[in-house]
N, C-alpha and C. Protein backbone atom coordinates (compact mmCIF):
# COMPACT_ATOMS: atom_id res chain seq x y z
N MET A 1 67.45 156.83 155.47
CA MET A 1 67.37 155.44 155.08
C MET A 1 68.08 154.59 156.14
N THR A 2 67.45 153.50 156.54
CA THR A 2 67.98 152.61 157.57
C THR A 2 68.47 151.32 156.91
N VAL A 3 69.51 150.72 157.45
CA VAL A 3 70.00 149.43 156.97
C VAL A 3 69.65 148.39 158.04
N PHE A 4 68.95 147.36 157.60
CA PHE A 4 68.56 146.24 158.46
C PHE A 4 69.42 145.05 158.05
N LYS A 5 70.14 144.45 159.03
CA LYS A 5 70.99 143.30 158.74
C LYS A 5 70.60 142.15 159.66
N GLY A 6 70.57 140.95 159.07
CA GLY A 6 70.22 139.79 159.86
C GLY A 6 70.63 138.51 159.20
N SER A 7 70.26 137.41 159.83
CA SER A 7 70.66 136.09 159.33
C SER A 7 69.75 135.01 159.90
N CYS A 8 69.92 133.83 159.35
CA CYS A 8 69.19 132.67 159.85
C CYS A 8 69.98 132.04 161.01
N LEU A 9 69.39 131.07 161.65
CA LEU A 9 70.00 130.42 162.81
C LEU A 9 71.31 129.73 162.48
N CYS A 10 71.40 129.08 161.32
CA CYS A 10 72.62 128.35 160.97
C CYS A 10 73.67 129.23 160.30
N GLN A 11 73.34 130.49 160.07
CA GLN A 11 74.24 131.45 159.42
C GLN A 11 74.53 131.09 157.96
N GLY A 12 73.72 130.21 157.38
CA GLY A 12 73.91 129.84 155.98
C GLY A 12 73.55 130.94 155.02
N VAL A 13 72.64 131.80 155.44
CA VAL A 13 72.22 132.92 154.59
C VAL A 13 72.00 134.13 155.49
N SER A 14 72.40 135.28 154.99
CA SER A 14 72.19 136.54 155.71
C SER A 14 71.68 137.57 154.71
N TYR A 15 71.27 138.71 155.22
CA TYR A 15 70.68 139.74 154.36
C TYR A 15 71.04 141.13 154.85
N SER A 16 70.90 142.07 153.94
CA SER A 16 71.01 143.49 154.24
C SER A 16 69.88 144.16 153.46
N ILE A 17 69.10 144.97 154.15
CA ILE A 17 67.96 145.64 153.52
C ILE A 17 68.06 147.14 153.82
N LYS A 18 68.07 147.96 152.79
CA LYS A 18 68.06 149.42 152.96
C LYS A 18 66.66 149.91 152.67
N GLY A 19 66.11 150.67 153.60
CA GLY A 19 64.77 151.20 153.40
C GLY A 19 64.27 151.88 154.65
N GLU A 20 63.03 152.32 154.59
CA GLU A 20 62.39 152.99 155.72
C GLU A 20 61.36 152.06 156.34
N ALA A 21 61.41 151.94 157.65
CA ALA A 21 60.43 151.12 158.37
C ALA A 21 59.08 151.82 158.32
N LEU A 22 58.08 151.09 157.85
CA LEU A 22 56.72 151.63 157.78
C LEU A 22 55.91 151.26 159.01
N ALA A 23 56.18 150.09 159.57
CA ALA A 23 55.42 149.62 160.73
C ALA A 23 56.15 148.45 161.36
N PHE A 24 55.93 148.28 162.65
CA PHE A 24 56.44 147.13 163.39
C PHE A 24 55.25 146.62 164.19
N TYR A 25 54.85 145.40 163.91
CA TYR A 25 53.65 144.87 164.54
C TYR A 25 53.82 143.42 164.95
N HIS A 26 52.99 143.02 165.91
CA HIS A 26 52.86 141.62 166.30
C HIS A 26 51.60 141.12 165.61
N CYS A 27 51.75 140.12 164.76
CA CYS A 27 50.60 139.58 164.04
C CYS A 27 50.15 138.28 164.71
N HIS A 28 48.89 138.24 165.10
CA HIS A 28 48.32 137.09 165.80
C HIS A 28 47.48 136.19 164.90
N CYS A 29 47.55 136.37 163.59
CA CYS A 29 46.74 135.54 162.71
C CYS A 29 47.21 134.08 162.78
N GLN A 30 46.32 133.17 162.44
CA GLN A 30 46.64 131.75 162.53
C GLN A 30 47.79 131.37 161.60
N ARG A 31 47.87 131.98 160.44
CA ARG A 31 48.96 131.66 159.51
C ARG A 31 50.32 132.03 160.11
N CYS A 32 50.43 133.20 160.69
CA CYS A 32 51.70 133.61 161.31
C CYS A 32 52.04 132.70 162.49
N ARG A 33 51.03 132.34 163.28
CA ARG A 33 51.30 131.45 164.41
C ARG A 33 51.83 130.11 163.92
N LYS A 34 51.23 129.55 162.89
CA LYS A 34 51.68 128.25 162.37
C LYS A 34 53.06 128.35 161.71
N ALA A 35 53.31 129.42 160.98
CA ALA A 35 54.60 129.58 160.29
C ALA A 35 55.75 129.77 161.27
N ASN A 36 55.46 130.32 162.45
CA ASN A 36 56.51 130.62 163.42
C ASN A 36 56.49 129.71 164.64
N GLY A 37 55.40 128.97 164.84
CA GLY A 37 55.30 128.09 165.99
C GLY A 37 55.20 128.84 167.31
N THR A 38 54.73 130.08 167.26
CA THR A 38 54.63 130.92 168.44
C THR A 38 53.26 131.58 168.49
N GLY A 39 53.04 132.39 169.51
CA GLY A 39 51.76 133.07 169.68
C GLY A 39 51.53 134.22 168.72
N HIS A 40 52.60 134.73 168.14
CA HIS A 40 52.49 135.80 167.14
C HIS A 40 53.80 135.92 166.39
N ALA A 41 53.74 136.56 165.25
CA ALA A 41 54.94 136.90 164.49
C ALA A 41 55.22 138.37 164.73
N SER A 42 56.48 138.72 164.93
CA SER A 42 56.89 140.11 165.09
C SER A 42 57.55 140.54 163.79
N ASN A 43 56.85 141.37 163.04
CA ASN A 43 57.29 141.75 161.70
C ASN A 43 57.48 143.25 161.56
N ILE A 44 58.50 143.61 160.80
CA ILE A 44 58.73 145.00 160.44
C ILE A 44 58.47 145.12 158.94
N ARG A 45 57.60 146.04 158.58
CA ARG A 45 57.30 146.29 157.17
C ARG A 45 58.22 147.41 156.70
N ILE A 46 58.97 147.15 155.63
CA ILE A 46 59.98 148.10 155.16
C ILE A 46 59.67 148.54 153.74
N ASP A 47 59.73 149.84 153.54
CA ASP A 47 59.53 150.43 152.22
C ASP A 47 60.82 150.27 151.42
N THR A 48 60.90 149.22 150.63
CA THR A 48 62.04 148.94 149.77
C THR A 48 61.60 147.88 148.77
N GLN A 49 62.37 147.72 147.72
CA GLN A 49 62.06 146.71 146.73
C GLN A 49 63.21 145.76 146.51
N HIS A 50 64.13 145.71 147.50
CA HIS A 50 65.32 144.89 147.29
C HIS A 50 65.84 144.31 148.60
N ILE A 51 66.20 143.05 148.55
CA ILE A 51 66.89 142.38 149.65
C ILE A 51 68.24 141.95 149.10
N ASP A 52 69.31 142.39 149.74
CA ASP A 52 70.66 142.00 149.33
C ASP A 52 71.04 140.76 150.14
N TRP A 53 71.04 139.61 149.49
CA TRP A 53 71.33 138.34 150.16
C TRP A 53 72.82 138.06 150.14
N GLN A 54 73.34 137.50 151.23
CA GLN A 54 74.70 137.02 151.30
C GLN A 54 74.65 135.54 151.71
N GLY A 55 75.68 134.81 151.38
CA GLY A 55 75.70 133.38 151.71
C GLY A 55 75.03 132.57 150.62
N ASP A 56 74.46 131.47 150.98
CA ASP A 56 73.86 130.54 150.03
C ASP A 56 72.37 130.82 149.85
N GLU A 57 72.06 131.70 148.91
CA GLU A 57 70.66 132.08 148.66
C GLU A 57 69.80 130.90 148.26
N SER A 58 70.42 129.83 147.74
CA SER A 58 69.63 128.65 147.34
C SER A 58 69.01 127.95 148.56
N LEU A 59 69.45 128.31 149.77
CA LEU A 59 68.85 127.74 150.98
C LEU A 59 67.45 128.29 151.25
N ILE A 60 67.14 129.43 150.65
CA ILE A 60 65.83 130.05 150.90
C ILE A 60 64.76 129.33 150.09
N HIS A 61 63.80 128.80 150.80
CA HIS A 61 62.64 128.16 150.16
C HIS A 61 61.41 128.99 150.49
N ARG A 62 60.40 128.84 149.66
CA ARG A 62 59.17 129.62 149.82
C ARG A 62 57.96 128.70 149.80
N TYR A 63 57.02 129.03 150.66
CA TYR A 63 55.73 128.35 150.64
C TYR A 63 54.65 129.42 150.56
N LYS A 64 53.87 129.37 149.50
CA LYS A 64 52.76 130.31 149.30
C LYS A 64 51.48 129.58 149.65
N VAL A 65 50.75 130.12 150.62
CA VAL A 65 49.44 129.56 150.96
C VAL A 65 48.53 129.79 149.75
N PRO A 66 47.98 128.72 149.16
CA PRO A 66 47.24 128.85 147.89
C PRO A 66 46.11 129.87 147.91
N ASP A 67 45.34 129.96 148.99
CA ASP A 67 44.18 130.85 148.99
C ASP A 67 44.46 132.21 149.63
N ALA A 68 45.73 132.52 149.90
CA ALA A 68 46.08 133.79 150.54
C ALA A 68 46.57 134.80 149.51
N ASP A 69 46.10 136.03 149.65
CA ASP A 69 46.55 137.09 148.75
C ASP A 69 47.96 137.56 149.12
N ARG A 70 48.21 137.77 150.42
CA ARG A 70 49.47 138.37 150.84
C ARG A 70 50.21 137.54 151.88
N PHE A 71 50.08 136.24 151.85
CA PHE A 71 50.83 135.45 152.83
C PHE A 71 51.72 134.45 152.11
N ARG A 72 52.98 134.50 152.50
CA ARG A 72 53.97 133.56 151.99
C ARG A 72 54.98 133.35 153.10
N ASN A 73 55.51 132.17 153.19
CA ASN A 73 56.52 131.87 154.20
C ASN A 73 57.83 131.60 153.49
N ASP A 74 58.81 132.47 153.67
CA ASP A 74 60.16 132.27 153.14
C ASP A 74 61.03 131.85 154.32
N PHE A 75 61.83 130.81 154.14
CA PHE A 75 62.57 130.25 155.27
C PHE A 75 63.86 129.60 154.79
N CYS A 76 64.81 129.45 155.71
CA CYS A 76 66.05 128.75 155.41
C CYS A 76 65.76 127.26 155.45
N SER A 77 66.07 126.56 154.37
CA SER A 77 65.77 125.13 154.30
C SER A 77 66.72 124.30 155.16
N ALA A 78 67.84 124.89 155.61
CA ALA A 78 68.77 124.15 156.46
C ALA A 78 68.34 124.19 157.93
N CYS A 79 67.93 125.36 158.42
CA CYS A 79 67.61 125.49 159.84
C CYS A 79 66.15 125.85 160.13
N GLY A 80 65.38 126.24 159.11
CA GLY A 80 63.97 126.56 159.29
C GLY A 80 63.67 127.99 159.70
N SER A 81 64.69 128.83 159.88
CA SER A 81 64.44 130.21 160.29
C SER A 81 63.61 130.95 159.25
N PRO A 82 62.61 131.73 159.70
CA PRO A 82 61.88 132.57 158.75
C PRO A 82 62.82 133.63 158.19
N MET A 83 62.61 134.01 156.96
CA MET A 83 63.47 134.99 156.29
C MET A 83 62.61 136.13 155.75
N PRO A 84 63.22 137.29 155.51
CA PRO A 84 62.47 138.42 154.94
C PRO A 84 61.85 138.02 153.60
N ARG A 85 60.73 138.63 153.31
CA ARG A 85 60.06 138.34 152.04
C ARG A 85 59.59 139.63 151.39
N TYR A 86 59.90 139.74 150.11
CA TYR A 86 59.51 140.90 149.32
C TYR A 86 58.20 140.58 148.61
N PHE A 87 57.23 141.47 148.75
CA PHE A 87 55.94 141.32 148.09
C PHE A 87 55.84 142.35 146.98
N GLU A 88 56.10 141.90 145.78
CA GLU A 88 56.12 142.78 144.62
C GLU A 88 54.80 143.51 144.42
N GLU A 89 53.68 142.82 144.66
CA GLU A 89 52.36 143.41 144.41
C GLU A 89 52.05 144.61 145.31
N VAL A 90 52.72 144.72 146.46
CA VAL A 90 52.50 145.88 147.34
C VAL A 90 53.76 146.71 147.52
N GLY A 91 54.90 146.23 147.03
CA GLY A 91 56.13 147.01 147.01
C GLY A 91 56.83 147.19 148.35
N PHE A 92 56.73 146.20 149.23
CA PHE A 92 57.49 146.30 150.48
C PHE A 92 57.98 144.93 150.93
N VAL A 93 58.91 144.96 151.89
CA VAL A 93 59.48 143.76 152.47
C VAL A 93 58.87 143.56 153.86
N VAL A 94 58.54 142.33 154.19
CA VAL A 94 58.15 141.97 155.54
C VAL A 94 59.34 141.26 156.16
N LEU A 95 59.87 141.84 157.22
CA LEU A 95 61.08 141.36 157.87
C LEU A 95 60.74 140.75 159.23
N PRO A 96 61.00 139.45 159.42
CA PRO A 96 60.81 138.86 160.75
C PRO A 96 61.84 139.47 161.71
N ALA A 97 61.37 140.24 162.68
CA ALA A 97 62.26 141.02 163.56
C ALA A 97 63.25 140.14 164.32
N GLY A 98 62.89 138.92 164.63
CA GLY A 98 63.78 138.05 165.38
C GLY A 98 65.01 137.61 164.61
N THR A 99 65.04 137.84 163.30
CA THR A 99 66.20 137.46 162.50
C THR A 99 67.25 138.57 162.43
N LEU A 100 66.93 139.74 162.97
CA LEU A 100 67.89 140.85 162.96
C LEU A 100 69.11 140.52 163.82
N ASP A 101 70.27 140.98 163.38
CA ASP A 101 71.50 140.81 164.14
C ASP A 101 71.78 142.04 165.02
N HIS A 102 70.82 142.95 165.11
CA HIS A 102 70.93 144.17 165.90
C HIS A 102 69.55 144.57 166.38
N GLU A 103 69.49 145.50 167.29
CA GLU A 103 68.20 146.02 167.75
C GLU A 103 67.57 146.86 166.64
N PRO A 104 66.28 146.70 166.42
CA PRO A 104 65.64 147.53 165.38
C PRO A 104 65.54 148.98 165.84
N PRO A 105 65.42 149.91 164.90
CA PRO A 105 65.36 151.33 165.25
C PRO A 105 63.98 151.79 165.73
N LEU A 106 63.04 150.87 165.91
CA LEU A 106 61.71 151.21 166.39
C LEU A 106 61.18 150.06 167.24
N GLN A 107 60.13 150.37 167.99
CA GLN A 107 59.48 149.38 168.85
C GLN A 107 58.16 148.96 168.21
N PRO A 108 57.62 147.80 168.61
CA PRO A 108 56.31 147.39 168.07
C PRO A 108 55.27 148.47 168.31
N GLN A 109 54.45 148.71 167.26
CA GLN A 109 53.46 149.78 167.32
C GLN A 109 52.05 149.28 167.52
N SER A 110 51.80 148.02 167.14
CA SER A 110 50.44 147.50 167.27
C SER A 110 50.43 145.98 167.21
N ARG A 111 49.28 145.45 167.60
CA ARG A 111 48.99 144.02 167.44
C ARG A 111 47.90 143.93 166.38
N ILE A 112 48.14 143.12 165.36
CA ILE A 112 47.14 142.98 164.31
C ILE A 112 46.56 141.57 164.35
N PHE A 113 45.37 141.45 163.82
CA PHE A 113 44.60 140.20 163.86
C PHE A 113 44.47 139.71 165.30
N ASN A 114 44.28 140.69 166.19
CA ASN A 114 44.14 140.39 167.61
C ASN A 114 42.88 139.58 167.90
N ALA A 115 41.88 139.68 167.03
CA ALA A 115 40.65 138.92 167.22
C ALA A 115 40.90 137.41 167.10
N SER A 116 41.97 137.03 166.42
CA SER A 116 42.27 135.60 166.31
C SER A 116 43.45 135.19 167.20
N ARG A 117 43.81 136.04 168.15
CA ARG A 117 44.89 135.74 169.09
C ARG A 117 44.54 134.50 169.90
N ALA A 118 45.49 133.59 170.01
CA ALA A 118 45.30 132.40 170.84
C ALA A 118 45.18 132.84 172.30
N LYS A 119 44.28 132.23 173.04
CA LYS A 119 44.06 132.61 174.44
C LYS A 119 45.33 132.50 175.28
N TRP A 120 46.21 131.58 174.93
CA TRP A 120 47.45 131.37 175.69
C TRP A 120 48.56 132.33 175.28
N SER A 121 48.35 133.06 174.19
CA SER A 121 49.38 133.98 173.70
C SER A 121 49.53 135.17 174.63
N CYS A 122 50.65 135.87 174.50
CA CYS A 122 50.91 137.01 175.37
C CYS A 122 49.78 138.04 175.27
N SER A 123 49.58 138.71 176.37
CA SER A 123 48.53 139.71 176.43
C SER A 123 49.08 141.05 175.93
N ASN A 124 48.31 142.07 176.13
CA ASN A 124 48.72 143.40 175.69
C ASN A 124 49.38 144.16 176.84
N GLU A 125 50.36 143.50 177.47
CA GLU A 125 51.00 144.09 178.64
C GLU A 125 51.73 145.39 178.35
N HIS A 126 52.09 145.64 177.11
CA HIS A 126 52.79 146.87 176.78
C HIS A 126 51.84 147.95 176.26
N ALA A 127 50.56 147.66 176.30
CA ALA A 127 49.52 148.62 175.96
C ALA A 127 49.73 149.29 174.60
N ILE A 128 49.93 148.50 173.57
CA ILE A 128 50.00 149.05 172.23
C ILE A 128 48.64 148.83 171.56
N PRO A 129 48.28 149.63 170.58
CA PRO A 129 46.97 149.48 169.94
C PRO A 129 46.76 148.09 169.35
N CYS A 130 45.53 147.61 169.44
CA CYS A 130 45.16 146.29 168.89
C CYS A 130 44.13 146.48 167.78
N PHE A 131 44.29 145.71 166.73
CA PHE A 131 43.37 145.76 165.60
C PHE A 131 42.93 144.33 165.28
N ASP A 132 41.67 144.17 164.91
CA ASP A 132 41.14 142.84 164.59
C ASP A 132 41.58 142.36 163.21
N ALA A 133 42.09 143.28 162.38
CA ALA A 133 42.59 142.95 161.04
C ALA A 133 43.75 143.91 160.77
N TYR A 134 44.01 144.21 159.50
CA TYR A 134 45.03 145.21 159.18
C TYR A 134 44.54 146.59 159.60
N PRO A 135 45.40 147.42 160.18
CA PRO A 135 44.97 148.79 160.50
C PRO A 135 44.80 149.60 159.21
N GLU A 136 44.01 150.63 159.32
CA GLU A 136 43.76 151.50 158.14
C GLU A 136 45.03 152.19 157.71
């Protein structure tokens, strides 16, 4: 079991997550690009059902895209940093890797939703597998 620890930019809220990393991917879907303001979101999917929050948990706000099955943006309302989000319906946490306070125990394994990658976004310079949607 691995412990993932991180925080938001203003340090108003931090977290500790115990679980096993299932995948680390760069997601190029339009929703991730808009939620992060970048060419892709770097997310670690963790097999766990609990996030241990420290600090002011009331700072965490959530935005659920109405027509999305599995997309929600959890963020610190003070500084805007994306925060980990637990998806009860699938039983795992999606952790924005950039919020970690340490190096993750794994490297990105794939690029997902590569078919919707912005032309200006980073290329596949590290030669990891690319998928047009979720991998099988």
